[in-house]
Amino acid sequence: MNINWFPGHMKKTLEDLESKARVIDFIIEMLDARIPYSSQNPSLQEILPGKKRLVLLNKSDLAEEKATKDWLKDFNQREGTLALIYNSKDPRSKKALYEAARTLNQDILEKRREKQVENKSLRAMVIGIPNVGKSTFINSYIGKKSAKIGNRPGITKSNQWIRLGQDLDLLDTPGVLWPKFENQKVAKHLAYVGSIKDELLDMESLALAFIEEMKETRGQIFEDRYQLDSKLKPLEIYEKIGKKRGAILKGGYIDYEKTAKLILDDFRKGRLGPLSLEVVHESI
């Protein structure tokens, strides 16, 4: 299974973001806490060089606490980067982000004070892959629904400026991937979390790949969630989940497509428990 997804509007988005780089002070980059490595878009690093980054490890409630804290420490050791564990549902996250933005840009604020420049907002571009939670983040921050929300990639189609208080402006941008996935494990991780449209994927192969990966590192989840022996072969686990969940066709055959969607939906909605697919310094 070879995964790639880079529609024309994403190419246009990258070009548009590059053209707006000169008007922003820093970047707010949202990453999926379950896949902090794979959810970093290398194309964005190329078109926005030298910009400071405020990294938000979003959907932290779906990831393992220790793994997320390890990633937090790793990002905070990088030059020009400040990272936060973020949860849009927690109102405390809003204050933490605002304070972090000012801390990250203290040099800019000091220069403006020296030059007696007043009433000039810090400007940030909010970037991230599709379905990472940017629209939910924007809406929770301003307290009203200004951005469309959905559990599928490609909801936000255009850029919009949003003023937060008196001195912080955010440019919300569409989720964007990159032209080619050199690493197919990265592609699979993006597909697992829903950053690639399901209708473009072989969901049955994807679900089996997910089971294979979890069996190697998190086999206990099959016992905890499905009461299945983790020593079973991946295809056996797949089929038994289908039977247990009632995904059966006429004649008693397994509905593999429905079973695939059930398995991935369980993961995406946290029914398998907090799961981190990537660990700091572990090769992907």
Protein backbone atom coordinates (compact mmCIF):
# COMPACT_ATOMS: atom_id res chain seq x y z
CA MET A 1 0.00 0.00 0.00
CA ASN A 2 1.57 3.28 -1.17
CA ILE A 3 0.02 6.44 0.28
CA ASN A 4 0.22 9.94 -1.19
CA TRP A 5 -2.26 12.83 -1.13
CA PHE A 6 -1.42 16.31 -2.41
CA PRO A 7 -4.39 17.91 -4.22
CA GLY A 8 -4.02 21.12 -6.17
CA HIS A 9 -5.41 23.36 -3.45
CA MET A 10 -2.58 22.29 -1.11
CA LYS A 11 0.04 23.43 -3.63
CA LYS A 12 -1.72 26.78 -3.87
CA THR A 13 -1.90 26.99 -0.07
CA LEU A 14 1.86 26.49 0.28
CA GLU A 15 2.49 29.24 -2.25
CA ASP A 16 0.08 31.54 -0.43
CA LEU A 17 1.70 30.85 2.96
CA GLU A 18 5.14 31.61 1.56
CA SER A 19 3.89 34.96 0.24
CA LYS A 20 2.54 35.90 3.69
CA ALA A 21 5.70 34.95 5.59
CA ARG A 22 6.98 38.54 5.58
CA VAL A 23 3.98 39.89 7.50
CA ILE A 24 4.16 37.51 10.48
CA ASP A 25 6.37 37.56 13.57
CA PHE A 26 6.21 33.87 14.44
CA ILE A 27 4.51 30.56 13.73
CA ILE A 28 2.06 28.61 15.83
CA GLU A 29 2.52 25.04 14.65
CA MET A 30 -0.07 22.52 15.77
CA LEU A 31 1.10 18.93 15.97
CA ASP A 32 -0.83 15.78 16.82
CA ALA A 33 0.51 14.63 20.19
CA ARG A 34 0.11 11.00 19.10
CA ILE A 35 2.46 11.53 16.12
CA PRO A 36 4.63 14.61 16.80
CA TYR A 37 7.27 13.57 14.25
CA SER A 38 4.95 12.63 11.40
CA SER A 39 2.67 15.64 11.85
CA GLN A 40 5.52 18.09 11.15
CA ASN A 41 5.25 19.29 7.57
CA PRO A 42 8.77 19.60 6.09
CA SER A 43 7.49 21.88 3.33
CA LEU A 44 6.40 24.45 5.91
CA GLN A 45 9.88 24.49 7.39
CA GLU A 46 11.29 25.22 3.94
CA ILE A 47 8.95 28.09 3.05
CA LEU A 48 9.04 29.70 6.52
CA PRO A 49 12.75 29.67 7.41
CA GLY A 50 14.01 31.57 10.41
CA LYS A 51 10.61 32.03 12.00
CA LYS A 52 10.26 31.26 15.69
CA ARG A 53 7.86 28.44 16.47
CA LEU A 54 5.31 28.05 19.22
CA VAL A 55 4.58 24.32 19.03
CA LEU A 56 1.27 23.07 20.38
CA LEU A 57 1.10 19.35 21.09
CA ASN A 58 -2.61 19.10 20.41
CA LYS A 59 -5.01 16.22 21.15
CA SER A 60 -2.82 15.47 24.16
CA ASP A 61 -5.78 13.76 25.83
CA LEU A 62 -5.50 11.00 23.20
CA ALA A 63 -1.76 10.47 23.70
CA GLU A 64 0.28 8.86 26.47
CA GLU A 65 1.30 11.36 29.12
CA LYS A 66 4.95 10.28 29.45
CA ALA A 67 5.56 10.22 25.71
CA THR A 68 4.02 13.68 25.33
CA LYS A 69 6.16 15.10 28.14
CA ASP A 70 9.27 13.64 26.50
CA TRP A 71 8.33 15.34 23.22
CA LEU A 72 7.68 18.59 25.09
CA LYS A 73 11.18 18.50 26.56
CA ASP A 74 12.70 17.69 23.18
CA PHE A 75 10.99 20.59 21.38
CA ASN A 76 11.86 23.04 24.14
CA GLN A 77 15.54 22.25 23.66
CA ARG A 78 15.40 23.37 20.03
CA GLU A 79 16.55 26.86 19.13
CA GLY A 80 13.80 29.37 18.47
CA THR A 81 11.10 26.98 19.67
CA LEU A 82 8.75 26.99 22.63
CA ALA A 83 6.35 24.08 23.09
CA LEU A 84 3.16 23.55 25.08
CA ILE A 85 0.98 20.53 25.76
CA TYR A 86 -2.32 21.80 24.46
CA ASN A 87 -5.96 20.84 24.91
CA SER A 88 -8.55 23.12 23.29
CA LYS A 89 -11.16 21.90 25.79
CA ASP A 90 -9.15 23.20 28.75
CA PRO A 91 -9.68 26.97 29.30
CA ARG A 92 -6.29 27.19 31.03
CA SER A 93 -4.63 26.45 27.71
CA LYS A 94 -5.71 29.84 26.34
CA LYS A 95 -3.85 31.81 29.00
CA ALA A 96 -0.80 29.56 28.67
CA LEU A 97 -0.67 30.13 24.92
CA TYR A 98 -0.95 33.90 25.25
CA GLU A 99 1.85 34.03 27.81
CA ALA A 100 4.01 31.68 25.75
CA ALA A 101 3.56 33.87 22.66
CA ARG A 102 4.85 36.89 24.56
CA THR A 103 7.74 34.92 26.09
CA LEU A 104 8.82 33.57 22.71
CA ASN A 105 8.77 37.06 21.18
CA GLN A 106 10.22 39.00 24.09
CA ASP A 107 12.97 40.43 21.88
CA ILE A 108 10.43 41.84 19.41
CA LEU A 109 8.35 43.35 22.21
CA GLU A 110 11.43 44.97 23.79
CA LYS A 111 12.52 46.53 20.47
CA ARG A 112 9.04 47.96 20.00
CA ARG A 113 9.10 49.44 23.48
CA GLU A 114 12.50 51.00 22.81
CA LYS A 115 11.16 52.57 19.63
CA GLN A 116 7.97 53.55 21.44
CA VAL A 117 5.90 51.58 18.98
CA GLU A 118 2.50 51.12 20.55
CA ASN A 119 -0.66 49.31 19.60
CA LYS A 120 1.10 46.93 17.23
CA SER A 121 0.01 43.33 17.59
CA LEU A 122 2.19 40.28 17.41
CA ARG A 123 1.23 38.37 14.30
CA ALA A 124 1.28 34.60 14.07
CA MET A 125 0.45 32.14 11.34
CA VAL A 126 -1.35 29.02 12.59
CA ILE A 127 -0.13 26.06 10.57
CA GLY A 128 -0.59 22.31 10.66
CA ILE A 129 -1.58 19.20 8.77
CA PRO A 130 -5.24 18.47 7.94
CA ASN A 131 -7.46 17.41 10.84
CA VAL A 132 -4.91 18.35 13.50
CA GLY A 133 -7.46 20.54 15.29
CA LYS A 134 -6.69 24.08 14.11
CA SER A 135 -10.33 25.09 13.61
CA THR A 136 -11.32 23.78 17.03
CA PHE A 137 -8.37 25.70 18.48
CA ILE A 138 -9.42 28.95 16.81
CA ASN A 139 -13.04 28.57 17.86
CA SER A 140 -12.24 27.73 21.47
CA TYR A 141 -9.90 30.69 21.73
CA ILE A 142 -12.30 33.35 20.48
CA GLY A 143 -15.40 31.80 22.01
CA LYS A 144 -17.48 31.62 18.87
CA LYS A 145 -17.68 29.49 15.75
CA SER A 146 -15.78 31.44 13.12
CA ALA A 147 -14.13 28.42 11.54
CA LYS A 148 -15.77 25.26 10.29
CA ILE A 149 -15.16 22.13 12.34
CA GLY A 150 -15.22 18.54 11.20
CA ASN A 151 -13.60 15.18 11.86
CA ARG A 152 -12.25 14.98 8.34
CA PRO A 153 -9.34 16.67 6.59
CA GLY A 154 -9.80 19.63 4.28
CA ILE A 155 -12.48 21.57 6.20
CA THR A 156 -10.72 24.96 6.18
CA LYS A 157 -10.26 26.12 2.59
CA SER A 158 -9.05 29.70 2.97
CA ASN A 159 -6.99 32.02 5.17
CA GLN A 160 -8.54 34.33 7.74
CA TRP A 161 -7.11 36.85 10.21
CA ILE A 162 -8.48 36.75 13.73
CA ARG A 163 -7.68 39.29 16.44
CA LEU A 164 -7.20 37.92 19.93
CA GLY A 165 -7.36 40.69 22.49
CA GLN A 166 -5.39 43.85 21.79
CA ASP A 167 -1.98 42.56 20.82
CA LEU A 168 -2.14 39.11 19.21
CA ASP A 169 -3.40 38.43 15.69
CA LEU A 170 -3.67 34.95 14.22
CA LEU A 171 -3.75 33.98 10.57
CA ASP A 172 -5.70 30.75 10.39
CA THR A 173 -4.69 28.63 7.40
CA PRO A 174 -5.91 25.44 5.71
CA GLY A 175 -4.33 22.16 6.73
CA VAL A 176 -1.68 21.14 4.26
CA LEU A 177 0.51 18.10 3.58
CA TRP A 178 3.58 17.85 1.36
CA PRO A 179 4.04 16.61 -2.22
CA LYS A 180 5.50 13.18 -1.52
CA PHE A 181 5.86 10.95 1.52
CA GLU A 182 9.39 9.60 1.43
CA ASN A 183 8.64 7.49 4.49
CA GLN A 184 5.55 5.31 4.20
CA LYS A 185 5.42 4.75 7.95
CA VAL A 186 4.91 8.49 8.30
CA ALA A 187 2.16 8.25 5.68
CA LYS A 188 0.47 5.44 7.60
CA HIS A 189 0.58 7.39 10.84
CA LEU A 190 -1.05 10.35 9.11
CA ALA A 191 -3.70 8.03 7.71
CA TYR A 192 -4.33 6.38 11.09
CA VAL A 193 -5.17 9.72 12.73
CA GLY A 194 -7.38 10.84 9.85
CA SER A 195 -5.19 13.48 8.18
CA ILE A 196 -5.63 11.80 4.80
CA LYS A 197 -9.12 11.33 3.39
CA ASP A 198 -10.38 7.83 4.09
CA GLU A 199 -12.02 7.55 0.68
CA LEU A 200 -8.58 7.76 -0.93
CA LEU A 201 -7.24 4.86 1.11
CA ASP A 202 -7.42 1.08 1.12
CA MET A 203 -9.00 1.03 4.57
CA GLU A 204 -8.78 -2.73 4.95
CA SER A 205 -5.03 -2.76 4.38
CA LEU A 206 -4.65 0.31 6.59
CA ALA A 207 -6.50 -1.31 9.49
CA LEU A 208 -4.43 -4.48 9.16
CA ALA A 209 -1.24 -2.39 9.14
CA PHE A 210 -2.47 -0.62 12.28
CA ILE A 211 -3.07 -3.95 14.02
CA GLU A 212 0.40 -5.16 12.99
CA GLU A 213 2.06 -2.03 14.38
CA MET A 214 0.06 -2.12 17.62
CA LYS A 215 0.76 -5.82 18.07
CA GLU A 216 4.49 -5.06 18.08
CA THR A 217 4.34 -2.21 20.58
CA ARG A 218 0.93 -2.11 22.30
CA GLY A 219 -0.45 -5.64 22.12
CA GLN A 220 -2.25 -5.23 25.44
CA ILE A 221 -4.87 -3.00 23.82
CA PHE A 222 -6.42 -5.97 22.05
CA GLU A 223 -6.95 -7.69 25.39
CA ASP A 224 -8.16 -4.54 27.12
CA ARG A 225 -10.55 -3.32 24.44
CA TYR A 226 -11.64 -6.46 22.63
CA GLN A 227 -10.85 -9.26 25.12
CA LEU A 228 -8.69 -10.95 22.50
CA ASP A 229 -5.41 -12.82 22.91
CA SER A 230 -2.68 -10.48 21.70
CA LYS A 231 -0.70 -13.54 20.56
CA LEU A 232 -3.16 -14.10 17.71
CA LYS A 233 -1.96 -13.24 14.21
CA PRO A 234 -2.94 -9.77 12.93
CA LEU A 235 -5.51 -11.11 10.45
CA GLU A 236 -7.03 -13.29 13.18
CA ILE A 237 -7.34 -10.26 15.44
CA TYR A 238 -8.92 -8.32 12.56
CA GLU A 239 -11.52 -11.02 11.91
CA LYS A 240 -12.37 -11.61 15.57
CA ILE A 241 -12.92 -7.87 16.08
CA GLY A 242 -15.32 -7.97 13.12
CA LYS A 243 -17.27 -10.84 14.68
CA LYS A 244 -17.37 -9.24 18.12
CA ARG A 245 -18.59 -5.92 16.67
CA GLY A 246 -21.24 -7.52 14.49
CA ALA A 247 -19.62 -6.61 11.18
CA ILE A 248 -21.03 -9.66 9.41
CA LEU A 249 -22.32 -10.02 5.84
CA LYS A 250 -24.96 -12.45 4.64
CA GLY A 251 -23.68 -15.99 4.83
CA GLY A 252 -21.67 -15.24 7.96
CA TYR A 253 -18.73 -13.64 6.16
CA ILE A 254 -16.72 -10.85 7.81
CA ASP A 255 -17.43 -7.34 6.52
CA TYR A 256 -13.79 -6.33 6.27
CA GLU A 257 -14.50 -2.77 5.17
CA LYS A 258 -16.85 -2.07 8.07
CA THR A 259 -14.46 -3.75 10.50
CA ALA A 260 -11.60 -1.55 9.27
CA LYS A 261 -13.62 1.59 9.92
CA LEU A 262 -14.60 0.36 13.39
CA ILE A 263 -10.99 -0.34 14.36
CA LEU A 264 -9.65 3.00 13.15
CA ASP A 265 -12.59 4.87 14.64
CA ASP A 266 -11.86 3.25 18.01
CA PHE A 267 -8.29 4.55 17.80
CA ARG A 268 -9.18 8.05 16.57
CA LYS A 269 -11.77 8.59 19.29
CA GLY A 270 -9.58 7.29 22.09
CA ARG A 271 -11.56 4.13 22.81
CA LEU A 272 -8.33 2.13 22.80
CA GLY A 273 -7.00 4.36 25.57
CA PRO A 274 -4.26 7.00 25.28
CA LEU A 275 -1.87 5.89 22.51
CA SER A 276 1.34 7.50 21.31
CA LEU A 277 2.60 6.04 18.06
CA GLU A 278 5.92 7.88 18.15
CA VAL A 279 8.58 8.17 20.84
CA VAL A 280 11.35 10.77 20.99
CA HIS A 281 14.58 9.68 19.27
CA GLU A 282 12.99 6.46 18.06
CA SER A 283 13.47 5.98 14.32
CA ILE A 284 10.33 6.18 12.21
